[in-house]
Amino acid sequence: MNASLKRQQGLTFISLIFVLGLLAFLVMLVLKIGPVYLDHSKVVSALTALEKMPEVETKSDAEIRGILNKRFSMNYVNDVTDDDIKVIQSGTYLKVIIQYNVIKQILGNLSVLVEFNNEIEVGE
């Protein structure tokens, strides 16, 4: 019985390659998707700053888009376009919706799609 236990020590070379390959894939996935979520946090902070801005509900659609685009260009957010921003105004009520998708190629024809949908409401 002791002889069979001594033969079963450690990982084989094939299992070590498998574990290292899996670890490398996970690291590559984090390095590809991590910046997408960092950019998304900048989008959320721009919306939060817009929500806290005084009298924002009185601003026009073009002014709101201009404010957001300035913040996006300062923070190097390139994934959000003007088509992704929807502004709904009614009297003193303002709703801004930013809905966008990011597709990142991982390896060969393997890609990751990340969908974001954020909104703020100000006024009555």
C-alpha atoms as a PDB file:
ATOM      1  CA  MET A   1       0.000   0.000   0.000  1.00  0.00           C
ATOM      2  CA  ASN A   2       2.864   2.425   0.736  1.00  0.00           C
ATOM      3  CA  ALA A   3       4.388   1.811  -2.675  1.00  0.00           C
ATOM      4  CA  SER A   4       1.225   3.019  -4.482  1.00  0.00           C
ATOM      5  CA  LEU A   5       1.035   6.192  -2.357  1.00  0.00           C
ATOM      6  CA  LYS A   6       4.620   7.172  -3.233  1.00  0.00           C
ATOM      7  CA  ARG A   7       3.826   6.948  -6.937  1.00  0.00           C
ATOM      8  CA  GLN A   8       0.937   9.437  -6.554  1.00  0.00           C
ATOM      9  CA  GLN A   9       2.916  12.520  -5.600  1.00  0.00           C
ATOM     10  CA  GLY A  10       2.287  15.960  -7.152  1.00  0.00           C
ATOM     11  CA  LEU A  11       0.917  17.083 -10.491  1.00  0.00           C
ATOM     12  CA  THR A  12       1.744  15.530 -13.801  1.00  0.00           C
ATOM     13  CA  PHE A  13       3.193  17.696 -16.539  1.00  0.00           C
ATOM     14  CA  ILE A  14      -0.078  17.616 -18.510  1.00  0.00           C
ATOM     15  CA  SER A  15      -2.176  18.710 -15.525  1.00  0.00           C
ATOM     16  CA  LEU A  16       0.322  21.492 -14.791  1.00  0.00           C
ATOM     17  CA  ILE A  17       0.040  22.750 -18.394  1.00  0.00           C
ATOM     18  CA  PHE A  18      -3.765  22.607 -18.121  1.00  0.00           C
ATOM     19  CA  VAL A  19      -3.801  24.604 -14.870  1.00  0.00           C
ATOM     20  CA  LEU A  20      -1.371  27.207 -16.237  1.00  0.00           C
ATOM     21  CA  GLY A  21      -3.388  27.503 -19.466  1.00  0.00           C
ATOM     22  CA  LEU A  22      -6.605  28.057 -17.545  1.00  0.00           C
ATOM     23  CA  LEU A  23      -4.925  30.649 -15.342  1.00  0.00           C
ATOM     24  CA  ALA A  24      -3.506  32.449 -18.409  1.00  0.00           C
ATOM     25  CA  PHE A  25      -6.968  32.521 -20.039  1.00  0.00           C
ATOM     26  CA  LEU A  26      -8.544  34.014 -16.911  1.00  0.00           C
ATOM     27  CA  VAL A  27      -5.815  36.671 -16.670  1.00  0.00           C
ATOM     28  CA  MET A  28      -6.299  37.559 -20.352  1.00  0.00           C
ATOM     29  CA  LEU A  29     -10.063  37.815 -19.799  1.00  0.00           C
ATOM     30  CA  VAL A  30      -9.590  40.192 -16.858  1.00  0.00           C
ATOM     31  CA  LEU A  31      -7.115  42.319 -18.831  1.00  0.00           C
ATOM     32  CA  LYS A  32      -9.570  42.630 -21.739  1.00  0.00           C
ATOM     33  CA  ILE A  33     -12.760  43.246 -19.721  1.00  0.00           C
ATOM     34  CA  GLY A  34     -11.303  45.272 -16.832  1.00  0.00           C
ATOM     35  CA  PRO A  35     -10.862  48.510 -18.827  1.00  0.00           C
ATOM     36  CA  VAL A  36     -14.473  48.249 -20.060  1.00  0.00           C
ATOM     37  CA  TYR A  37     -15.737  48.353 -16.479  1.00  0.00           C
ATOM     38  CA  LEU A  38     -13.343  51.179 -15.606  1.00  0.00           C
ATOM     39  CA  ASP A  39     -14.794  53.218 -18.489  1.00  0.00           C
ATOM     40  CA  HIS A  40     -18.287  52.361 -17.288  1.00  0.00           C
ATOM     41  CA  SER A  41     -17.483  53.743 -13.835  1.00  0.00           C
ATOM     42  CA  LYS A  42     -16.517  57.012 -15.541  1.00  0.00           C
ATOM     43  CA  VAL A  43     -19.882  57.051 -17.340  1.00  0.00           C
ATOM     44  CA  VAL A  44     -21.676  56.516 -14.029  1.00  0.00           C
ATOM     45  CA  SER A  45     -19.699  59.326 -12.383  1.00  0.00           C
ATOM     46  CA  ALA A  46     -20.538  61.677 -15.278  1.00  0.00           C
ATOM     47  CA  LEU A  47     -24.235  60.906 -14.845  1.00  0.00           C
ATOM     48  CA  THR A  48     -23.989  61.419 -11.089  1.00  0.00           C
ATOM     49  CA  ALA A  49     -22.273  64.773 -11.590  1.00  0.00           C
ATOM     50  CA  LEU A  50     -24.982  65.767 -14.085  1.00  0.00           C
ATOM     51  CA  GLU A  51     -27.679  64.808 -11.588  1.00  0.00           C
ATOM     52  CA  LYS A  52     -26.090  66.972  -8.866  1.00  0.00           C
ATOM     53  CA  MET A  53     -25.706  69.974 -11.184  1.00  0.00           C
ATOM     54  CA  PRO A  54     -27.976  72.883 -10.145  1.00  0.00           C
ATOM     55  CA  GLU A  55     -30.940  73.606 -12.443  1.00  0.00           C
ATOM     56  CA  VAL A  56     -29.972  70.842 -14.857  1.00  0.00           C
ATOM     57  CA  GLU A  57     -33.631  70.207 -15.708  1.00  0.00           C
ATOM     58  CA  THR A  58     -33.814  73.634 -17.377  1.00  0.00           C
ATOM     59  CA  LYS A  59     -30.969  72.915 -19.787  1.00  0.00           C
ATOM     60  CA  SER A  60     -31.635  71.932 -23.380  1.00  0.00           C
ATOM     61  CA  ASP A  61     -30.980  68.566 -24.974  1.00  0.00           C
ATOM     62  CA  ALA A  62     -27.885  69.898 -26.774  1.00  0.00           C
ATOM     63  CA  GLU A  63     -26.473  71.415 -23.569  1.00  0.00           C
ATOM     64  CA  ILE A  64     -26.876  68.157 -21.660  1.00  0.00           C
ATOM     65  CA  ARG A  65     -25.229  66.168 -24.448  1.00  0.00           C
ATOM     66  CA  GLY A  66     -22.419  68.745 -24.549  1.00  0.00           C
ATOM     67  CA  ILE A  67     -21.828  68.450 -20.802  1.00  0.00           C
ATOM     68  CA  LEU A  68     -21.711  64.666 -20.996  1.00  0.00           C
ATOM     69  CA  ASN A  69     -19.473  64.645 -24.076  1.00  0.00           C
ATOM     70  CA  LYS A  70     -17.014  67.018 -22.370  1.00  0.00           C
ATOM     71  CA  ARG A  71     -16.781  64.699 -19.382  1.00  0.00           C
ATOM     72  CA  PHE A  72     -16.390  61.669 -21.626  1.00  0.00           C
ATOM     73  CA  SER A  73     -13.608  63.273 -23.648  1.00  0.00           C
ATOM     74  CA  MET A  74     -11.793  64.433 -20.483  1.00  0.00           C
ATOM     75  CA  ASN A  75     -11.920  60.890 -19.094  1.00  0.00           C
ATOM     76  CA  TYR A  76     -11.087  59.189 -22.424  1.00  0.00           C
ATOM     77  CA  VAL A  77     -14.396  57.316 -22.671  1.00  0.00           C
ATOM     78  CA  ASN A  78     -14.720  56.303 -26.325  1.00  0.00           C
ATOM     79  CA  ASP A  79     -17.433  53.651 -26.104  1.00  0.00           C
ATOM     80  CA  VAL A  80     -20.391  56.054 -25.678  1.00  0.00           C
ATOM     81  CA  THR A  81     -21.646  57.907 -28.756  1.00  0.00           C
ATOM     82  CA  ASP A  82     -24.375  60.533 -29.192  1.00  0.00           C
ATOM     83  CA  ASP A  83     -26.727  57.812 -30.419  1.00  0.00           C
ATOM     84  CA  ASP A  84     -26.358  56.012 -27.070  1.00  0.00           C
ATOM     85  CA  ILE A  85     -27.599  59.036 -25.074  1.00  0.00           C
ATOM     86  CA  LYS A  86     -31.344  59.590 -24.817  1.00  0.00           C
ATOM     87  CA  VAL A  87     -32.680  62.766 -23.165  1.00  0.00           C
ATOM     88  CA  ILE A  88     -36.361  62.996 -22.183  1.00  0.00           C
ATOM     89  CA  GLN A  89     -37.634  66.370 -20.982  1.00  0.00           C
ATOM     90  CA  SER A  90     -41.089  67.403 -19.870  1.00  0.00           C
ATOM     91  CA  GLY A  91     -41.404  70.704 -18.034  1.00  0.00           C
ATOM     92  CA  THR A  92     -39.206  70.439 -14.962  1.00  0.00           C
ATOM     93  CA  TYR A  93     -38.712  66.691 -15.392  1.00  0.00           C
ATOM     94  CA  LEU A  94     -35.519  65.364 -16.958  1.00  0.00           C
ATOM     95  CA  LYS A  95     -34.526  61.785 -17.637  1.00  0.00           C
ATOM     96  CA  VAL A  96     -31.176  60.894 -19.194  1.00  0.00           C
ATOM     97  CA  ILE A  97     -30.608  57.324 -20.380  1.00  0.00           C
ATOM     98  CA  ILE A  98     -27.248  56.019 -21.556  1.00  0.00           C
ATOM     99  CA  GLN A  99     -27.516  52.563 -23.076  1.00  0.00           C
ATOM    100  CA  TYR A 100     -24.520  51.112 -24.906  1.00  0.00           C
ATOM    101  CA  ASN A 101     -22.791  47.853 -25.766  1.00  0.00           C
ATOM    102  CA  VAL A 102     -19.094  47.058 -25.853  1.00  0.00           C
ATOM    103  CA  ILE A 103     -17.722  44.105 -27.818  1.00  0.00           C
ATOM    104  CA  LYS A 104     -14.163  43.031 -27.062  1.00  0.00           C
ATOM    105  CA  GLN A 105     -12.366  40.390 -29.066  1.00  0.00           C
ATOM    106  CA  ILE A 106     -10.687  37.890 -26.776  1.00  0.00           C
ATOM    107  CA  LEU A 107      -8.944  35.378 -29.013  1.00  0.00           C
ATOM    108  CA  GLY A 108      -9.553  34.537 -32.656  1.00  0.00           C
ATOM    109  CA  ASN A 109     -13.301  34.559 -33.205  1.00  0.00           C
ATOM    110  CA  LEU A 110     -14.095  34.524 -29.470  1.00  0.00           C
ATOM    111  CA  SER A 111     -15.620  37.827 -28.335  1.00  0.00           C
ATOM    112  CA  VAL A 112     -17.285  39.186 -25.215  1.00  0.00           C
ATOM    113  CA  LEU A 113     -20.364  41.432 -25.308  1.00  0.00           C
ATOM    114  CA  VAL A 114     -20.930  43.722 -22.325  1.00  0.00           C
ATOM    115  CA  GLU A 115     -24.218  45.669 -22.141  1.00  0.00           C
ATOM    116  CA  PHE A 116     -24.716  48.748 -19.981  1.00  0.00           C
ATOM    117  CA  ASN A 117     -27.890  50.673 -19.191  1.00  0.00           C
ATOM    118  CA  ASN A 118     -27.786  53.680 -16.847  1.00  0.00           C
ATOM    119  CA  GLU A 119     -30.288  56.443 -16.209  1.00  0.00           C
ATOM    120  CA  ILE A 120     -30.935  59.400 -13.979  1.00  0.00           C
ATOM    121  CA  GLU A 121     -34.145  61.280 -13.216  1.00  0.00           C
ATOM    122  CA  VAL A 122     -34.261  64.867 -12.012  1.00  0.00           C
ATOM    123  CA  GLY A 123     -37.258  67.038 -11.212  1.00  0.00           C
ATOM    124  CA  GLU A 124     -40.934  66.242 -11.039  1.00  0.00           C
END
